[in-house]
Amino acid sequence: MILEVITETEDYSIPEQADLKEWADTYGLTMPVLADAESLLWDYAADEGGSVGLPFTVVIDRGMVIDTIMSGANSSRAEELL
């Protein structure tokens, strides 16, 4: 399963349901779009300087265990994992 997670809106606020729907509609997404209301992405993604490479990909296996974390663009690796 693939999920899209939005950490914040353009004004740096927590996304509301309407924001998530607008994002999905704008980009024609059919996958679930979730809000990261507690900014957990930063716990996994941020380096020691607090920066995150985007896009950021987390692969969770069928047992709900994090299998892979990738920061930055690496489409060939993402396709391989799928």
N, C-alpha and C. Protein backbone atom coordinates (compact mmCIF):
# COMPACT_ATOMS: atom_id res chain seq x y z
N MET A 1 0.84 -1.18 0.00
CA MET A 1 0.00 0.00 0.00
C MET A 1 0.89 1.24 0.00
N ILE A 2 0.48 2.23 -0.74
CA ILE A 2 1.20 3.50 -0.80
C ILE A 2 0.32 4.57 -0.16
N LEU A 3 0.92 5.38 0.70
CA LEU A 3 0.23 6.48 1.36
C LEU A 3 0.97 7.78 1.07
N GLU A 4 0.26 8.84 0.98
CA GLU A 4 0.84 10.18 0.88
C GLU A 4 0.65 10.83 2.24
N VAL A 5 1.72 11.40 2.80
CA VAL A 5 1.62 12.05 4.10
C VAL A 5 2.03 13.51 3.94
N ILE A 6 1.17 14.39 4.40
CA ILE A 6 1.42 15.83 4.33
C ILE A 6 1.74 16.31 5.75
N THR A 7 2.89 16.94 5.92
CA THR A 7 3.30 17.37 7.26
C THR A 7 2.79 18.76 7.62
N GLU A 8 2.65 19.63 6.61
CA GLU A 8 2.18 20.99 6.89
C GLU A 8 1.66 21.63 5.61
N THR A 9 0.88 22.69 5.79
CA THR A 9 0.35 23.41 4.65
C THR A 9 1.31 24.53 4.26
N GLU A 10 0.95 25.28 3.25
CA GLU A 10 1.82 26.38 2.79
C GLU A 10 2.06 27.42 3.88
N ASP A 11 1.10 27.56 4.81
CA ASP A 11 1.29 28.53 5.90
C ASP A 11 1.83 27.86 7.18
N TYR A 12 2.39 26.66 7.02
CA TYR A 12 3.05 25.90 8.08
C TYR A 12 2.10 25.41 9.18
N SER A 13 0.81 25.30 8.87
CA SER A 13 -0.13 24.77 9.85
C SER A 13 -0.39 23.29 9.57
N ILE A 14 -0.99 22.61 10.54
CA ILE A 14 -1.33 21.20 10.39
C ILE A 14 -2.45 21.08 9.36
N PRO A 15 -2.30 20.21 8.37
CA PRO A 15 -3.33 20.06 7.34
C PRO A 15 -4.66 19.57 7.92
N GLU A 16 -5.73 20.16 7.44
CA GLU A 16 -7.07 19.71 7.80
C GLU A 16 -7.58 18.81 6.68
N GLN A 17 -8.69 18.15 6.91
CA GLN A 17 -9.26 17.23 5.92
C GLN A 17 -9.43 17.91 4.56
N ALA A 18 -9.90 19.16 4.56
CA ALA A 18 -10.11 19.88 3.30
C ALA A 18 -8.78 20.08 2.55
N ASP A 19 -7.69 20.32 3.29
CA ASP A 19 -6.37 20.48 2.66
C ASP A 19 -5.92 19.18 2.00
N LEU A 20 -6.15 18.07 2.70
CA LEU A 20 -5.75 16.76 2.17
C LEU A 20 -6.54 16.42 0.91
N LYS A 21 -7.84 16.71 0.95
CA LYS A 21 -8.69 16.44 -0.21
C LYS A 21 -8.26 17.32 -1.40
N GLU A 22 -7.98 18.58 -1.13
CA GLU A 22 -7.55 19.49 -2.20
C GLU A 22 -6.25 18.98 -2.84
N TRP A 23 -5.31 18.53 -2.01
CA TRP A 23 -4.03 18.01 -2.51
C TRP A 23 -4.26 16.80 -3.40
N ALA A 24 -5.08 15.88 -2.93
CA ALA A 24 -5.38 14.67 -3.70
C ALA A 24 -6.07 15.01 -5.02
N ASP A 25 -7.03 15.92 -4.95
CA ASP A 25 -7.76 16.32 -6.16
C ASP A 25 -6.85 17.03 -7.15
N THR A 26 -5.98 17.91 -6.65
CA THR A 26 -5.08 18.67 -7.51
C THR A 26 -4.15 17.75 -8.31
N TYR A 27 -3.65 16.72 -7.64
CA TYR A 27 -2.66 15.84 -8.28
C TYR A 27 -3.26 14.51 -8.74
N GLY A 28 -4.57 14.38 -8.65
CA GLY A 28 -5.23 13.17 -9.13
C GLY A 28 -4.83 11.92 -8.37
N LEU A 29 -4.60 12.06 -7.08
CA LEU A 29 -4.17 10.93 -6.27
C LEU A 29 -5.34 10.04 -5.91
N THR A 30 -5.15 8.74 -5.99
CA THR A 30 -6.18 7.80 -5.59
C THR A 30 -5.78 7.07 -4.31
N MET A 31 -4.55 7.27 -3.86
CA MET A 31 -4.08 6.65 -2.62
C MET A 31 -4.54 7.48 -1.42
N PRO A 32 -4.55 6.90 -0.23
CA PRO A 32 -4.91 7.69 0.96
C PRO A 32 -3.91 8.82 1.18
N VAL A 33 -4.41 9.99 1.57
CA VAL A 33 -3.58 11.14 1.90
C VAL A 33 -3.83 11.46 3.37
N LEU A 34 -2.77 11.40 4.16
CA LEU A 34 -2.87 11.56 5.61
C LEU A 34 -2.13 12.81 6.07
N ALA A 35 -2.53 13.33 7.24
CA ALA A 35 -1.83 14.45 7.86
C ALA A 35 -0.89 13.91 8.93
N ASP A 36 0.32 14.46 8.98
CA ASP A 36 1.27 14.13 10.04
C ASP A 36 1.12 15.21 11.11
N ALA A 37 0.02 15.13 11.86
CA ALA A 37 -0.34 16.18 12.82
C ALA A 37 0.69 16.36 13.92
N GLU A 38 1.45 15.31 14.23
CA GLU A 38 2.44 15.41 15.30
C GLU A 38 3.86 15.53 14.77
N SER A 39 3.99 15.73 13.47
CA SER A 39 5.30 15.91 12.81
C SER A 39 6.28 14.78 13.13
N LEU A 40 5.78 13.56 13.10
CA LEU A 40 6.64 12.40 13.35
C LEU A 40 7.67 12.20 12.25
N LEU A 41 7.40 12.72 11.06
CA LEU A 41 8.36 12.61 9.96
C LEU A 41 9.74 13.09 10.40
N TRP A 42 9.77 14.18 11.15
CA TRP A 42 11.06 14.75 11.55
C TRP A 42 11.84 13.81 12.46
N ASP A 43 11.13 12.97 13.25
CA ASP A 43 11.82 12.02 14.12
C ASP A 43 12.61 10.99 13.32
N TYR A 44 12.12 10.66 12.13
CA TYR A 44 12.77 9.65 11.30
C TYR A 44 13.64 10.25 10.21
N ALA A 45 13.28 11.44 9.75
CA ALA A 45 13.88 11.97 8.54
C ALA A 45 14.99 12.97 8.76
N ALA A 46 14.87 13.77 9.79
CA ALA A 46 15.80 14.89 9.95
C ALA A 46 17.20 14.41 10.31
N ASP A 47 18.17 15.03 9.66
CA ASP A 47 19.55 14.73 10.03
C ASP A 47 19.89 15.58 11.27
N GLU A 48 21.14 15.55 11.71
CA GLU A 48 21.51 16.27 12.92
C GLU A 48 21.30 17.78 12.80
N GLY A 49 21.31 18.30 11.59
CA GLY A 49 21.07 19.72 11.39
C GLY A 49 19.60 20.07 11.29
N GLY A 50 18.73 19.06 11.34
CA GLY A 50 17.30 19.30 11.29
C GLY A 50 16.72 19.43 9.90
N SER A 51 17.51 19.09 8.87
CA SER A 51 16.99 19.21 7.51
C SER A 51 16.54 17.85 7.00
N VAL A 52 15.62 17.89 6.03
CA VAL A 52 15.05 16.68 5.45
C VAL A 52 15.15 16.77 3.95
N GLY A 53 15.62 15.71 3.31
CA GLY A 53 15.62 15.66 1.85
C GLY A 53 14.25 15.24 1.37
N LEU A 54 13.70 15.98 0.47
CA LEU A 54 12.38 15.67 -0.07
C LEU A 54 12.51 15.31 -1.54
N PRO A 55 11.79 14.34 -2.05
CA PRO A 55 10.77 13.58 -1.33
C PRO A 55 11.41 12.68 -0.29
N PHE A 56 10.60 12.22 0.63
CA PHE A 56 11.03 11.35 1.71
C PHE A 56 10.17 10.10 1.64
N THR A 57 10.78 8.94 1.62
CA THR A 57 10.04 7.68 1.45
C THR A 57 10.30 6.75 2.61
N VAL A 58 9.23 6.19 3.14
CA VAL A 58 9.32 5.16 4.17
C VAL A 58 8.56 3.95 3.64
N VAL A 59 9.23 2.79 3.62
CA VAL A 59 8.58 1.56 3.21
C VAL A 59 8.30 0.77 4.48
N ILE A 60 7.01 0.43 4.66
CA ILE A 60 6.57 -0.34 5.82
C ILE A 60 6.15 -1.71 5.31
N ASP A 61 6.71 -2.77 5.93
CA ASP A 61 6.39 -4.11 5.44
C ASP A 61 5.01 -4.57 5.93
N ARG A 62 4.62 -5.75 5.50
CA ARG A 62 3.29 -6.27 5.85
C ARG A 62 3.08 -6.43 7.36
N GLY A 63 4.16 -6.56 8.11
CA GLY A 63 4.07 -6.69 9.56
C GLY A 63 4.05 -5.34 10.26
N MET A 64 3.94 -4.25 9.47
CA MET A 64 3.91 -2.88 9.98
C MET A 64 5.23 -2.47 10.63
N VAL A 65 6.33 -3.01 10.10
CA VAL A 65 7.67 -2.67 10.56
C VAL A 65 8.34 -1.84 9.48
N ILE A 66 9.04 -0.77 9.88
CA ILE A 66 9.75 0.06 8.90
C ILE A 66 10.86 -0.77 8.27
N ASP A 67 10.79 -0.90 6.95
CA ASP A 67 11.75 -1.68 6.19
C ASP A 67 12.86 -0.79 5.66
N THR A 68 12.50 0.34 5.09
CA THR A 68 13.46 1.22 4.43
C THR A 68 13.07 2.68 4.65
N ILE A 69 14.07 3.52 4.86
CA ILE A 69 13.86 4.97 4.94
C ILE A 69 14.80 5.60 3.93
N MET A 70 14.24 6.40 3.03
CA MET A 70 15.04 7.08 2.01
C MET A 70 14.72 8.57 2.02
N SER A 71 15.74 9.39 2.08
CA SER A 71 15.57 10.82 2.01
C SER A 71 16.16 11.31 0.70
N GLY A 72 15.41 12.14 0.00
CA GLY A 72 15.86 12.61 -1.30
C GLY A 72 15.27 11.77 -2.42
N ALA A 73 15.54 12.16 -3.63
CA ALA A 73 14.95 11.48 -4.80
C ALA A 73 15.81 10.29 -5.22
N ASN A 74 15.18 9.14 -5.32
CA ASN A 74 15.84 7.93 -5.80
C ASN A 74 14.75 7.04 -6.38
N SER A 75 14.23 7.42 -7.55
CA SER A 75 13.08 6.73 -8.12
C SER A 75 13.39 5.28 -8.46
N SER A 76 14.60 4.97 -8.89
CA SER A 76 14.91 3.58 -9.24
C SER A 76 14.86 2.70 -7.98
N ARG A 77 15.35 3.19 -6.86
CA ARG A 77 15.31 2.42 -5.62
C ARG A 77 13.87 2.28 -5.13
N ALA A 78 13.07 3.33 -5.24
CA ALA A 78 11.66 3.27 -4.83
C ALA A 78 10.91 2.24 -5.67
N GLU A 79 11.14 2.24 -6.97
CA GLU A 79 10.48 1.26 -7.85
C GLU A 79 10.92 -0.16 -7.48
N GLU A 80 12.19 -0.32 -7.17
CA GLU A 80 12.71 -1.64 -6.78
C GLU A 80 12.01 -2.14 -5.51
N LEU A 81 11.77 -1.24 -4.55
CA LEU A 81 11.14 -1.63 -3.30
C LEU A 81 9.67 -1.98 -3.49
N LEU A 82 9.03 -1.33 -4.46
CA LEU A 82 7.62 -1.63 -4.71
C LEU A 82 7.49 -2.95 -5.44
